[in-house]
Amino acid sequence: MKPNYFELSFLILSSIVYVLLEFIRIIPDIKIVSISIIIAWVGYVVWKAVKNKGILTYWGFRGDNFLPSIRSCLYFTIPAIALLVGYGILTGHYLLPQTFWMICLLYPIWGIIQQFALQVLVHRNLQELIKPVFYRCLLLGLLFCSAHIYDLRLVLLAFPIGFAFSWIYSRYPNLWALGVCHGILGAIVYYFVLGLDPGKEIIGFILQFR
């Protein structure tokens, strides 16, 4: 497919806005901005899926190549989990609340969304512009870590994830496998590396409406 410059431009603009707001904190609750950006993209994706039959399979929402994709993902994910957990133990972030398991179940949804943005909206649009897979994945890794520039630890972790998962996607385009592994890694990073409890924040947000 020819590059879709609208998708590339809109995604880059969304990322820049999000990163800037993380830095300057003009809006007290950046979740509002995140949700607004997600709603805009969901609307666009639904419109495109309705307009183009079979495009969901083309994008990677499929099951026929799930096993080779998840197998490749696990070759990267399992050693990464071991390293992240080891880091958490060394830094004292290893006493996990029950909310950790809730985030392990929920975060893959966000992982699928992030992988869709990286692989479909960027990776596929770069295939004609950057033919060699290695250089394309290298750029994708850099783009992915630049979206986490507000925290150096995330920058260092995001690059290998962006590079490895882009390489896997180039061979086995399956967003389910990438999203699940991304989500598990994301949950572990929150608790073992950043020492944060997003599950507690989610529960607190829900309880506001009681």
Protein backbone atom coordinates (compact mmCIF):
# COMPACT_ATOMS: atom_id res chain seq x y z
CA MET A 1 0.00 0.00 0.00
CA LYS A 2 1.10 3.57 -0.66
CA PRO A 3 2.05 5.64 2.39
CA ASN A 4 -0.90 7.39 4.02
CA TYR A 5 0.58 10.73 4.96
CA PHE A 6 -2.57 11.81 6.77
CA GLU A 7 -2.23 8.89 9.22
CA LEU A 8 1.47 9.57 9.76
CA SER A 9 0.93 13.30 10.28
CA PHE A 10 -2.06 12.88 12.60
CA LEU A 11 -0.25 10.27 14.70
CA ILE A 12 2.90 12.38 15.00
CA LEU A 13 0.78 15.40 15.99
CA SER A 14 -1.10 13.33 18.60
CA SER A 15 2.19 12.07 20.06
CA ILE A 16 3.73 15.54 20.21
CA VAL A 17 0.67 16.98 21.96
CA TYR A 18 0.66 14.15 24.50
CA VAL A 19 4.39 14.41 25.25
CA LEU A 20 4.26 18.20 25.59
CA LEU A 21 1.34 17.98 28.00
CA GLU A 22 3.26 15.42 30.05
CA PHE A 23 6.11 17.92 30.34
CA ILE A 24 4.29 21.18 30.98
CA ARG A 25 1.17 19.82 32.72
CA ILE A 26 -1.16 22.60 31.54
CA ILE A 27 -4.14 20.29 31.97
CA PRO A 28 -4.42 18.85 35.52
CA ASP A 29 -5.75 15.49 34.34
CA ILE A 30 -3.95 14.38 31.20
CA LYS A 31 -6.23 11.32 31.04
CA ILE A 32 -8.87 13.59 29.49
CA VAL A 33 -6.52 14.36 26.61
CA SER A 34 -5.56 10.70 26.23
CA ILE A 35 -9.20 9.62 26.08
CA SER A 36 -10.01 12.36 23.55
CA ILE A 37 -7.14 11.27 21.29
CA ILE A 38 -8.18 7.61 21.57
CA ILE A 39 -11.82 8.44 20.72
CA ALA A 40 -10.70 10.38 17.63
CA TRP A 41 -8.55 7.48 16.45
CA VAL A 42 -11.21 4.87 17.20
CA GLY A 43 -13.67 6.86 15.09
CA TYR A 44 -11.19 6.99 12.23
CA VAL A 45 -10.35 3.28 12.46
CA VAL A 46 -14.03 2.24 12.57
CA TRP A 47 -14.77 4.43 9.54
CA LYS A 48 -11.86 2.92 7.62
CA ALA A 49 -12.79 -0.66 8.61
CA VAL A 50 -16.38 -0.17 7.42
CA LYS A 51 -15.18 1.40 4.19
CA ASN A 52 -12.56 -1.30 3.40
CA LYS A 53 -13.67 -4.92 3.77
CA GLY A 54 -10.94 -7.26 4.99
CA ILE A 55 -8.67 -4.49 6.21
CA LEU A 56 -8.83 -5.71 9.83
CA THR A 57 -7.18 -8.98 8.79
CA TYR A 58 -4.64 -7.07 6.74
CA TRP A 59 -3.81 -4.90 9.74
CA GLY A 60 -3.21 -7.90 11.99
CA PHE A 61 -6.49 -8.63 13.79
CA ARG A 62 -6.33 -12.28 12.79
CA GLY A 63 -5.80 -15.76 14.19
CA ASP A 64 -4.09 -17.76 11.47
CA ASN A 65 -0.58 -16.56 12.38
CA PHE A 66 -1.12 -16.12 16.12
CA LEU A 67 1.00 -19.09 17.24
CA PRO A 68 4.20 -18.20 15.33
CA SER A 69 3.74 -14.57 16.37
CA ILE A 70 3.23 -15.28 20.08
CA ARG A 71 6.13 -17.73 20.02
CA SER A 72 8.43 -15.06 18.62
CA CYS A 73 7.10 -12.51 21.11
CA LEU A 74 7.78 -14.84 24.04
CA TYR A 75 11.41 -15.27 22.98
CA PHE A 76 11.74 -11.56 23.73
CA THR A 77 9.14 -11.15 26.48
CA ILE A 78 10.24 -13.90 28.89
CA PRO A 79 13.89 -12.71 29.22
CA ALA A 80 12.60 -9.13 29.45
CA ILE A 81 10.26 -10.07 32.31
CA ALA A 82 13.16 -11.73 34.15
CA LEU A 83 15.29 -8.59 33.81
CA LEU A 84 12.49 -6.24 34.87
CA VAL A 85 11.55 -8.34 37.89
CA GLY A 86 15.23 -8.57 38.86
CA TYR A 87 15.48 -4.78 38.67
CA GLY A 88 12.37 -4.44 40.81
CA ILE A 89 13.77 -6.73 43.48
CA LEU A 90 17.06 -4.82 43.57
CA THR A 91 15.28 -1.48 43.90
CA GLY A 92 12.72 -2.69 46.43
CA HIS A 93 9.68 -2.68 44.11
CA TYR A 94 8.60 -6.26 44.62
CA LEU A 95 5.75 -6.17 47.16
CA LEU A 96 2.86 -6.36 44.74
CA PRO A 97 -0.71 -5.41 45.65
CA GLN A 98 -3.67 -7.37 44.30
CA THR A 99 -4.26 -4.62 41.74
CA PHE A 100 -1.17 -5.89 39.87
CA TRP A 101 -3.16 -8.83 38.50
CA MET A 102 -6.00 -6.55 37.48
CA ILE A 103 -3.57 -4.43 35.47
CA CYS A 104 -2.07 -7.58 33.90
CA LEU A 105 -5.56 -8.34 32.56
CA LEU A 106 -6.43 -4.79 31.53
CA TYR A 107 -3.15 -3.43 30.19
CA PRO A 108 -3.08 -5.70 27.09
CA ILE A 109 -6.02 -3.64 25.78
CA TRP A 110 -3.80 -0.56 25.88
CA GLY A 111 -0.97 -2.67 24.49
CA ILE A 112 -3.06 -3.57 21.44
CA ILE A 113 -3.92 0.10 20.93
CA GLN A 114 -0.25 1.13 21.12
CA GLN A 115 0.86 -1.65 18.80
CA PHE A 116 -1.88 -0.73 16.35
CA ALA A 117 -0.61 2.85 16.31
CA LEU A 118 3.02 1.80 15.90
CA GLN A 119 2.66 -1.09 13.48
CA VAL A 120 -0.37 -0.15 11.37
CA LEU A 121 -0.29 3.62 11.32
CA VAL A 122 3.50 3.97 11.18
CA HIS A 123 5.16 0.66 10.23
CA ARG A 124 2.93 -0.13 7.26
CA ASN A 125 3.10 3.44 6.01
CA LEU A 126 6.90 3.29 6.07
CA GLN A 127 7.23 0.02 4.12
CA GLU A 128 7.46 1.74 0.76
CA LEU A 129 9.61 4.57 2.07
CA ILE A 130 12.16 2.43 3.95
CA LYS A 131 12.62 -0.95 2.28
CA PRO A 132 15.27 -2.62 4.53
CA VAL A 133 13.51 -4.18 7.52
CA PHE A 134 16.39 -3.52 9.93
CA TYR A 135 16.49 0.23 9.30
CA ARG A 136 12.71 0.47 9.35
CA CYS A 137 12.53 -1.30 12.72
CA LEU A 138 15.41 0.83 14.02
CA LEU A 139 13.45 3.98 13.18
CA LEU A 140 10.29 2.53 14.73
CA GLY A 141 12.19 1.76 17.93
CA LEU A 142 13.44 5.34 18.05
CA LEU A 143 9.96 6.74 17.41
CA PHE A 144 8.46 4.55 20.09
CA CYS A 145 11.01 5.55 22.71
CA SER A 146 10.67 9.23 21.76
CA ALA A 147 6.98 9.02 22.71
CA HIS A 148 8.16 8.17 26.26
CA ILE A 149 10.77 10.91 26.48
CA TYR A 150 9.20 12.35 29.64
CA ASP A 151 10.83 9.49 31.64
CA LEU A 152 14.37 8.31 30.86
CA ARG A 153 13.66 4.84 32.24
CA LEU A 154 10.78 4.43 29.80
CA VAL A 155 12.91 5.69 26.93
CA LEU A 156 15.53 3.02 27.60
CA LEU A 157 12.88 0.29 27.87
CA ALA A 158 10.71 1.43 24.95
CA PHE A 159 13.42 1.25 22.30
CA PRO A 160 14.09 -2.54 22.46
CA ILE A 161 10.35 -3.21 22.72
CA GLY A 162 9.60 -1.03 19.71
CA PHE A 163 12.42 -2.56 17.67
CA ALA A 164 11.72 -6.21 18.57
CA PHE A 165 7.94 -6.07 18.17
CA SER A 166 8.26 -4.22 14.85
CA TRP A 167 10.62 -6.92 13.60
CA ILE A 168 8.15 -9.62 14.66
CA TYR A 169 5.26 -7.75 13.03
CA SER A 170 7.19 -7.56 9.75
CA ARG A 171 7.25 -11.39 9.74
CA TYR A 172 3.97 -12.24 11.49
CA PRO A 173 1.53 -9.31 11.43
CA ASN A 174 -0.63 -10.23 14.44
CA LEU A 175 -1.72 -7.45 16.78
CA TRP A 176 -3.29 -9.80 19.34
CA ALA A 177 0.04 -11.46 20.18
CA LEU A 178 1.97 -8.17 20.22
CA GLY A 179 -0.69 -6.44 22.33
CA VAL A 180 -0.84 -9.17 24.98
CA CYS A 181 2.94 -9.30 25.43
CA HIS A 182 3.17 -5.51 25.35
CA GLY A 183 0.47 -5.31 28.03
CA ILE A 184 2.17 -7.78 30.35
CA LEU A 185 5.49 -5.97 30.00
CA GLY A 186 3.76 -2.64 30.60
CA ALA A 187 2.15 -3.90 33.82
CA ILE A 188 5.49 -5.20 35.09
CA VAL A 189 7.23 -1.92 34.24
CA TYR A 190 4.65 0.06 36.23
CA TYR A 191 5.04 -2.01 39.39
CA PHE A 192 8.63 -3.30 39.27
CA VAL A 193 10.43 -0.40 37.57
CA LEU A 194 8.42 2.77 38.19
CA GLY A 195 7.04 1.68 41.56
CA LEU A 196 3.56 2.95 40.59
CA ASP A 197 0.13 1.41 41.19
CA PRO A 198 -2.15 2.29 38.23
CA GLY A 199 -4.71 -0.23 39.52
CA LYS A 200 -5.24 1.87 42.64
CA GLU A 201 -5.73 4.96 40.46
CA ILE A 202 -8.32 3.18 38.32
CA ILE A 203 -10.26 1.96 41.35
CA GLY A 204 -10.14 5.47 42.86
CA PHE A 205 -11.42 6.96 39.61
CA ILE A 206 -14.34 4.49 39.48
CA LEU A 207 -15.27 5.08 43.13
CA GLN A 208 -15.75 8.80 42.40
CA PHE A 209 -18.98 7.94 40.61
CA ARG A 210 -20.53 5.96 43.48
